[in-house]
């Protein structure tokens, strides 16, 4: 049996472990793939966003005002129409909600009627990178 090592007592090991942990948190928080993550203090969870889901930004516009996407539930297949505001314009809410769209979730979590939860954090990051603007909460 191998002896246990207290990580915090070994400066070099502690630095390596905490750097790996930081990189893992960054990767898990910004990708559009299935994720399974567990630590001693956190539960295992699974979330998913299919890679083919891409937000639609207006073409030939330097600073778009809104992005739209349709996200399909991986469990039941239901389509969810979502819009992400990039400028503070209340008319955007009226226009898109009248077309059956819902605002981009503040917490990046979209829960389908069947109970399946999808993490849209990677899509938010993609919108913000492509548009060069932050997604605003409606």
N, C-alpha and C. Protein backbone atom coordinates (compact mmCIF):
# COMPACT_ATOMS: atom_id res chain seq x y z
N UNK A 1 0.84 -1.18 0.00
CA UNK A 1 0.00 0.00 0.00
C UNK A 1 0.89 1.25 0.00
N UNK A 2 0.55 2.20 -0.88
CA UNK A 2 1.32 3.43 -0.99
C UNK A 2 0.94 4.41 0.11
N UNK A 3 1.91 5.14 0.63
CA UNK A 3 1.58 6.14 1.65
C UNK A 3 0.84 7.32 1.02
N UNK A 4 -0.05 7.91 1.78
CA UNK A 4 -0.79 9.08 1.31
C UNK A 4 0.07 10.33 1.48
N UNK A 5 -0.04 11.24 0.51
CA UNK A 5 0.71 12.49 0.58
C UNK A 5 -0.28 13.64 0.70
N UNK A 6 -0.09 14.47 1.68
CA UNK A 6 -0.91 15.66 1.84
C UNK A 6 -0.46 16.68 0.80
N UNK A 7 -1.32 16.99 -0.15
CA UNK A 7 -0.95 17.86 -1.26
C UNK A 7 -0.49 19.23 -0.78
N UNK A 8 -1.17 19.79 0.17
CA UNK A 8 -0.85 21.14 0.63
C UNK A 8 0.52 21.22 1.31
N UNK A 9 1.08 20.10 1.72
CA UNK A 9 2.39 20.10 2.36
C UNK A 9 3.54 20.05 1.34
N UNK A 10 3.23 19.71 0.10
CA UNK A 10 4.25 19.62 -0.94
C UNK A 10 4.00 20.76 -1.94
N UNK A 11 4.80 21.82 -1.85
CA UNK A 11 4.58 23.03 -2.65
C UNK A 11 4.56 22.74 -4.15
N UNK A 12 5.50 21.94 -4.63
CA UNK A 12 5.59 21.65 -6.06
C UNK A 12 4.38 20.83 -6.53
N UNK A 13 4.01 19.80 -5.79
CA UNK A 13 2.85 18.98 -6.13
C UNK A 13 1.57 19.80 -6.06
N UNK A 14 1.45 20.61 -5.03
CA UNK A 14 0.28 21.47 -4.86
C UNK A 14 0.10 22.39 -6.07
N UNK A 15 1.18 23.00 -6.53
CA UNK A 15 1.13 23.89 -7.68
C UNK A 15 0.66 23.15 -8.93
N UNK A 16 1.20 21.98 -9.17
CA UNK A 16 0.82 21.19 -10.34
C UNK A 16 -0.65 20.80 -10.29
N UNK A 17 -1.09 20.29 -9.15
CA UNK A 17 -2.48 19.83 -9.01
C UNK A 17 -3.46 21.00 -9.19
N UNK A 18 -3.18 22.13 -8.57
CA UNK A 18 -4.09 23.27 -8.67
C UNK A 18 -4.11 23.88 -10.07
N UNK A 19 -2.98 23.81 -10.79
CA UNK A 19 -2.97 24.28 -12.18
C UNK A 19 -3.83 23.37 -13.05
N UNK A 20 -3.70 22.07 -12.87
CA UNK A 20 -4.52 21.11 -13.63
C UNK A 20 -6.00 21.34 -13.32
N UNK A 21 -6.31 21.54 -12.06
CA UNK A 21 -7.70 21.77 -11.66
C UNK A 21 -8.25 23.04 -12.32
N UNK A 22 -7.44 24.10 -12.38
CA UNK A 22 -7.88 25.35 -13.02
C UNK A 22 -8.13 25.15 -14.51
N UNK A 23 -7.25 24.43 -15.18
CA UNK A 23 -7.41 24.17 -16.61
C UNK A 23 -8.67 23.33 -16.85
N UNK A 24 -8.89 22.33 -16.02
CA UNK A 24 -10.10 21.50 -16.17
C UNK A 24 -11.36 22.34 -16.01
N UNK A 25 -11.38 23.22 -15.02
CA UNK A 25 -12.56 24.08 -14.83
C UNK A 25 -12.78 24.99 -16.04
N UNK A 26 -11.71 25.54 -16.61
CA UNK A 26 -11.84 26.37 -17.80
C UNK A 26 -12.39 25.57 -18.98
N UNK A 27 -11.85 24.38 -19.19
CA UNK A 27 -12.31 23.54 -20.29
C UNK A 27 -13.76 23.13 -20.11
N UNK A 28 -14.11 22.68 -18.93
CA UNK A 28 -15.48 22.23 -18.70
C UNK A 28 -16.48 23.37 -18.78
N UNK A 29 -16.04 24.59 -18.52
CA UNK A 29 -16.94 25.73 -18.54
C UNK A 29 -17.13 26.36 -19.90
N UNK A 30 -16.34 25.98 -20.90
CA UNK A 30 -16.39 26.69 -22.17
C UNK A 30 -16.52 25.81 -23.41
N UNK A 31 -16.74 24.52 -23.26
CA UNK A 31 -16.82 23.66 -24.44
C UNK A 31 -18.26 23.27 -24.75
N UNK A 32 -18.49 22.82 -25.97
CA UNK A 32 -19.82 22.40 -26.42
C UNK A 32 -19.89 20.88 -26.53
N UNK A 33 -19.48 20.16 -25.51
CA UNK A 33 -19.46 18.71 -25.57
C UNK A 33 -20.08 18.13 -24.32
N UNK A 34 -20.23 16.79 -24.32
CA UNK A 34 -20.67 16.13 -23.10
C UNK A 34 -19.63 16.31 -22.02
N UNK A 35 -20.09 16.46 -20.80
CA UNK A 35 -19.17 16.68 -19.70
C UNK A 35 -19.56 15.80 -18.52
N UNK A 36 -18.60 15.16 -17.94
CA UNK A 36 -18.79 14.43 -16.70
C UNK A 36 -17.66 14.88 -15.79
N UNK A 37 -18.00 15.35 -14.61
CA UNK A 37 -17.00 15.94 -13.73
C UNK A 37 -17.32 15.57 -12.29
N UNK A 38 -16.29 15.23 -11.54
CA UNK A 38 -16.49 14.90 -10.13
C UNK A 38 -15.23 15.26 -9.35
N UNK A 39 -15.44 15.77 -8.16
CA UNK A 39 -14.33 16.00 -7.23
C UNK A 39 -14.78 15.46 -5.88
N UNK A 40 -13.91 15.56 -4.93
CA UNK A 40 -14.25 15.08 -3.59
C UNK A 40 -15.45 15.83 -3.02
N UNK A 41 -15.57 17.11 -3.36
CA UNK A 41 -16.62 17.95 -2.78
C UNK A 41 -17.83 18.16 -3.69
N UNK A 42 -17.72 17.76 -4.97
CA UNK A 42 -18.81 17.99 -5.91
C UNK A 42 -19.35 16.67 -6.44
N UNK A 43 -20.62 16.70 -6.81
CA UNK A 43 -21.26 15.50 -7.36
C UNK A 43 -20.92 15.36 -8.83
N UNK A 44 -21.12 14.16 -9.33
CA UNK A 44 -20.96 13.91 -10.76
C UNK A 44 -22.18 14.48 -11.46
N UNK A 45 -21.97 15.18 -12.57
CA UNK A 45 -23.09 15.67 -13.34
C UNK A 45 -22.80 15.50 -14.82
N UNK A 46 -23.87 15.53 -15.62
CA UNK A 46 -23.74 15.37 -17.06
C UNK A 46 -24.53 16.48 -17.71
N UNK A 47 -23.94 17.12 -18.68
CA UNK A 47 -24.67 18.10 -19.47
C UNK A 47 -24.24 17.96 -20.90
N UNK A 48 -25.03 18.49 -21.80
CA UNK A 48 -24.68 18.32 -23.21
C UNK A 48 -25.20 19.46 -24.05
N UNK A 49 -24.43 19.80 -25.05
CA UNK A 49 -24.85 20.70 -26.10
C UNK A 49 -24.23 20.16 -27.38
N UNK A 50 -25.03 19.80 -28.37
CA UNK A 50 -24.43 19.26 -29.57
C UNK A 50 -23.56 20.29 -30.28
N UNK A 51 -22.47 19.84 -30.84
CA UNK A 51 -21.52 20.72 -31.50
C UNK A 51 -22.14 21.42 -32.71
N UNK A 52 -23.07 20.79 -33.41
CA UNK A 52 -23.62 21.37 -34.61
C UNK A 52 -24.52 22.58 -34.35
N UNK A 53 -24.92 22.82 -33.11
CA UNK A 53 -25.73 23.98 -32.80
C UNK A 53 -24.86 25.23 -32.88
N UNK A 54 -25.17 26.08 -33.84
CA UNK A 54 -24.40 27.32 -33.97
C UNK A 54 -25.35 28.49 -34.00
N UNK A 55 -25.02 29.54 -33.29
CA UNK A 55 -25.88 30.72 -33.30
C UNK A 55 -25.80 31.44 -34.64
N UNK A 56 -26.92 32.01 -35.04
CA UNK A 56 -26.98 32.77 -36.29
C UNK A 56 -26.86 34.26 -35.97
N UNK A 57 -25.80 34.86 -36.48
CA UNK A 57 -25.61 36.30 -36.34
C UNK A 57 -25.89 36.95 -37.69
N UNK A 58 -26.43 38.15 -37.70
CA UNK A 58 -26.67 38.81 -38.99
C UNK A 58 -25.36 38.96 -39.77
N UNK A 59 -25.42 38.68 -41.06
CA UNK A 59 -24.23 38.76 -41.91
C UNK A 59 -23.98 40.20 -42.35
N UNK A 60 -22.74 40.51 -42.61
CA UNK A 60 -22.32 41.83 -43.09
C UNK A 60 -22.68 42.97 -42.13
N UNK A 61 -22.75 42.65 -40.84
CA UNK A 61 -23.03 43.66 -39.83
C UNK A 61 -21.85 43.67 -38.87
N UNK A 62 -21.24 44.83 -38.69
CA UNK A 62 -20.06 44.92 -37.84
C UNK A 62 -20.40 44.64 -36.38
N UNK A 63 -21.49 45.24 -35.89
CA UNK A 63 -21.91 45.05 -34.50
C UNK A 63 -23.36 44.58 -34.48
N UNK A 64 -23.58 43.26 -34.49
CA UNK A 64 -24.96 42.74 -34.49
C UNK A 64 -25.68 43.07 -33.18
N UNK A 65 -26.99 43.15 -33.26
CA UNK A 65 -27.79 43.46 -32.08
C UNK A 65 -28.33 42.21 -31.40
N UNK A 66 -28.45 41.12 -32.15
CA UNK A 66 -29.07 39.90 -31.62
C UNK A 66 -28.52 38.68 -32.35
N UNK A 67 -28.51 37.56 -31.64
CA UNK A 67 -28.17 36.27 -32.23
C UNK A 67 -29.34 35.33 -31.96
N UNK A 68 -29.58 34.42 -32.88
CA UNK A 68 -30.67 33.47 -32.68
C UNK A 68 -30.17 32.06 -32.95
N UNK A 69 -30.81 31.09 -32.29
CA UNK A 69 -30.45 29.70 -32.51
C UNK A 69 -31.63 28.82 -32.19
N UNK A 70 -31.59 27.60 -32.74
CA UNK A 70 -32.57 26.59 -32.37
C UNK A 70 -31.82 25.43 -31.75
N UNK A 71 -32.15 25.15 -30.51
CA UNK A 71 -31.48 24.09 -29.75
C UNK A 71 -32.44 22.90 -29.62
N UNK A 72 -32.01 21.75 -30.10
CA UNK A 72 -32.84 20.54 -29.98
C UNK A 72 -32.46 19.79 -28.71
N UNK A 73 -33.46 19.32 -28.02
CA UNK A 73 -33.24 18.50 -26.82
C UNK A 73 -32.69 17.15 -27.26
N UNK A 74 -31.63 16.74 -26.63
CA UNK A 74 -31.01 15.46 -26.98
C UNK A 74 -31.78 14.27 -26.44
N UNK A 75 -32.69 14.52 -25.52
CA UNK A 75 -33.47 13.42 -24.95
C UNK A 75 -34.76 13.18 -25.73
N UNK A 76 -35.51 14.26 -26.00
CA UNK A 76 -36.81 14.07 -26.65
C UNK A 76 -36.88 14.65 -28.07
N UNK A 77 -35.91 15.48 -28.45
CA UNK A 77 -35.87 16.03 -29.79
C UNK A 77 -36.63 17.33 -30.00
N UNK A 78 -37.26 17.86 -28.95
CA UNK A 78 -38.01 19.11 -29.08
C UNK A 78 -37.06 20.25 -29.42
N UNK A 79 -37.49 21.12 -30.34
CA UNK A 79 -36.71 22.29 -30.72
C UNK A 79 -37.05 23.49 -29.84
N UNK A 80 -36.03 24.20 -29.41
CA UNK A 80 -36.20 25.39 -28.59
C UNK A 80 -35.60 26.57 -29.34
N UNK A 81 -36.42 27.59 -29.63
CA UNK A 81 -35.96 28.79 -30.33
C UNK A 81 -35.52 29.81 -29.29
N UNK A 82 -34.25 30.23 -29.39
CA UNK A 82 -33.64 31.11 -28.39
C UNK A 82 -33.02 32.32 -29.09
N UNK A 83 -33.11 33.48 -28.45
CA UNK A 83 -32.41 34.65 -28.96
C UNK A 83 -31.53 35.22 -27.85
N UNK A 84 -30.42 35.83 -28.27
CA UNK A 84 -29.48 36.44 -27.33
C UNK A 84 -29.31 37.90 -27.71
N UNK A 85 -29.72 38.80 -26.81
CA UNK A 85 -29.58 40.24 -27.07
C UNK A 85 -28.14 40.67 -26.84
N UNK A 86 -27.64 41.49 -27.75
CA UNK A 86 -26.28 42.01 -27.64
C UNK A 86 -26.28 43.52 -27.40
N UNK A 87 -27.45 44.14 -27.52
CA UNK A 87 -27.62 45.57 -27.22
C UNK A 87 -28.90 45.73 -26.40
N UNK A 88 -28.96 46.79 -25.65
CA UNK A 88 -30.12 47.03 -24.80
C UNK A 88 -31.21 47.73 -25.61
N UNK A 89 -32.07 46.92 -26.23
CA UNK A 89 -33.16 47.43 -27.05
C UNK A 89 -34.40 46.60 -26.74
N UNK A 90 -35.37 47.17 -26.02
CA UNK A 90 -36.57 46.42 -25.65
C UNK A 90 -37.38 45.91 -26.85
N UNK A 91 -37.23 46.55 -28.01
CA UNK A 91 -37.96 46.13 -29.20
C UNK A 91 -37.54 44.72 -29.64
N UNK A 92 -36.27 44.36 -29.37
CA UNK A 92 -35.78 43.02 -29.71
C UNK A 92 -36.59 41.97 -28.98
N UNK A 93 -36.84 42.21 -27.68
CA UNK A 93 -37.64 41.26 -26.89
C UNK A 93 -39.03 41.10 -27.49
N UNK A 94 -39.67 42.20 -27.82
CA UNK A 94 -41.02 42.14 -28.38
C UNK A 94 -41.04 41.38 -29.71
N UNK A 95 -40.10 41.73 -30.59
CA UNK A 95 -40.07 41.10 -31.91
C UNK A 95 -39.82 39.60 -31.83
N UNK A 96 -38.84 39.19 -31.06
CA UNK A 96 -38.48 37.77 -31.02
C UNK A 96 -39.49 36.94 -30.21
N UNK A 97 -40.01 37.50 -29.13
CA UNK A 97 -40.99 36.75 -28.36
C UNK A 97 -42.29 36.57 -29.15
N UNK A 98 -42.61 37.53 -30.01
CA UNK A 98 -43.81 37.38 -30.86
C UNK A 98 -43.62 36.28 -31.90
N UNK A 99 -42.36 35.94 -32.21
CA UNK A 99 -42.05 34.85 -33.16
C UNK A 99 -41.87 33.51 -32.45
N UNK A 100 -42.09 33.47 -31.12
CA UNK A 100 -41.98 32.22 -30.39
C UNK A 100 -40.61 31.92 -29.81
N UNK A 101 -39.72 32.90 -29.81
CA UNK A 101 -38.39 32.73 -29.23
C UNK A 101 -38.42 33.03 -27.74
N UNK A 102 -37.50 32.44 -27.01
CA UNK A 102 -37.33 32.75 -25.59
C UNK A 102 -35.95 33.37 -25.41
N UNK A 103 -35.80 34.25 -24.39
CA UNK A 103 -34.49 34.87 -24.18
C UNK A 103 -33.44 33.85 -23.75
N UNK A 104 -32.19 34.14 -24.07
CA UNK A 104 -31.08 33.29 -23.66
C UNK A 104 -31.08 33.20 -22.14
N UNK A 105 -30.99 31.99 -21.56
CA UNK A 105 -31.06 31.84 -20.11
C UNK A 105 -29.89 32.54 -19.40
N UNK A 106 -30.21 33.25 -18.32
CA UNK A 106 -29.20 33.98 -17.55
C UNK A 106 -28.12 33.05 -17.00
N UNK A 107 -28.53 31.85 -16.58
CA UNK A 107 -27.58 30.90 -15.98
C UNK A 107 -27.03 29.91 -16.99
N UNK A 108 -27.30 30.13 -18.28
CA UNK A 108 -26.83 29.27 -19.37
C UNK A 108 -27.45 27.87 -19.36
N UNK A 109 -28.47 27.64 -18.57
CA UNK A 109 -29.11 26.32 -18.47
C UNK A 109 -30.49 26.38 -19.11
N UNK A 110 -30.70 25.52 -20.08
CA UNK A 110 -32.00 25.40 -20.73
C UNK A 110 -32.60 24.06 -20.33
N UNK A 111 -33.75 24.10 -19.68
CA UNK A 111 -34.41 22.87 -19.25
C UNK A 111 -35.60 22.61 -20.16
N UNK A 112 -35.59 21.46 -20.80
CA UNK A 112 -36.67 21.06 -21.70
C UNK A 112 -37.89 20.64 -20.88
N UNK A 113 -39.03 20.58 -21.54
CA UNK A 113 -40.27 20.12 -20.88
C UNK A 113 -40.14 18.70 -20.36
N UNK A 114 -39.26 17.90 -20.99
CA UNK A 114 -39.07 16.50 -20.56
C UNK A 114 -38.17 16.41 -19.33
N UNK A 115 -37.59 17.55 -18.89
CA UNK A 115 -36.74 17.57 -17.71
C UNK A 115 -35.25 17.54 -17.99
N UNK A 116 -34.88 17.38 -19.25
CA UNK A 116 -33.46 17.31 -19.61
C UNK A 116 -32.86 18.72 -19.59
N UNK A 117 -31.71 18.86 -18.96
CA UNK A 117 -31.05 20.16 -18.85
C UNK A 117 -29.87 20.25 -19.80
N UNK A 118 -29.82 21.34 -20.57
CA UNK A 118 -28.73 21.56 -21.51
C UNK A 118 -27.92 22.77 -21.08
N UNK A 119 -26.62 22.65 -21.13
CA UNK A 119 -25.72 23.74 -20.76
C UNK A 119 -25.37 24.53 -22.01
N UNK A 120 -25.76 25.80 -22.05
CA UNK A 120 -25.52 26.65 -23.20
C UNK A 120 -24.33 27.59 -22.99
N UNK A 121 -23.52 27.32 -21.98
CA UNK A 121 -22.37 28.18 -21.68
C UNK A 121 -21.40 28.29 -22.85
N UNK A 122 -21.14 27.20 -23.53
CA UNK A 122 -20.25 27.23 -24.68
C UNK A 122 -20.82 28.05 -25.82
N UNK A 123 -22.14 27.97 -26.00
CA UNK A 123 -22.79 28.75 -27.06
C UNK A 123 -22.73 30.23 -26.72
N UNK A 124 -22.95 30.58 -25.43
CA UNK A 124 -22.83 31.98 -25.01
C UNK A 124 -21.43 32.49 -25.34
N UNK A 125 -20.41 31.71 -25.01
CA UNK A 125 -19.03 32.12 -25.29
C UNK A 125 -18.81 32.31 -26.79
N UNK A 126 -19.35 31.40 -27.60
CA UNK A 126 -19.20 31.49 -29.05
C UNK A 126 -19.85 32.76 -29.59
N UNK A 127 -21.05 33.07 -29.11
CA UNK A 127 -21.74 34.29 -29.54
C UNK A 127 -20.91 35.52 -29.18
N UNK A 128 -20.43 35.56 -27.95
CA UNK A 128 -19.68 36.73 -27.48
C UNK A 128 -18.37 36.89 -28.24
N UNK A 129 -17.72 35.79 -28.57
CA UNK A 129 -16.46 35.88 -29.33
C UNK A 129 -16.73 36.35 -30.76
N UNK A 130 -17.74 35.75 -31.42
CA UNK A 130 -18.03 36.12 -32.80
C UNK A 130 -18.53 37.57 -32.91
N UNK A 131 -19.38 37.99 -31.97
CA UNK A 131 -19.97 39.32 -32.04
C UNK A 131 -19.06 40.39 -31.46
N UNK A 132 -18.16 39.99 -30.57
CA UNK A 132 -17.32 40.97 -29.89
C UNK A 132 -18.10 41.77 -28.86
N UNK A 133 -19.25 41.23 -28.44
CA UNK A 133 -20.11 41.88 -27.45
C UNK A 133 -20.59 40.85 -26.44
N UNK A 134 -20.98 41.30 -25.26
CA UNK A 134 -21.52 40.43 -24.23
C UNK A 134 -23.01 40.19 -24.46
N UNK A 135 -23.47 38.98 -24.16
CA UNK A 135 -24.91 38.68 -24.19
C UNK A 135 -25.54 39.35 -22.98
N UNK A 136 -26.60 40.11 -23.22
CA UNK A 136 -27.29 40.82 -22.15
C UNK A 136 -28.45 39.98 -21.63
N UNK A 137 -28.72 40.09 -20.35
CA UNK A 137 -29.87 39.39 -19.76
C UNK A 137 -31.14 40.18 -20.06
N UNK A 138 -32.17 39.47 -20.47
CA UNK A 138 -33.45 40.14 -20.77
C UNK A 138 -34.27 40.32 -19.54
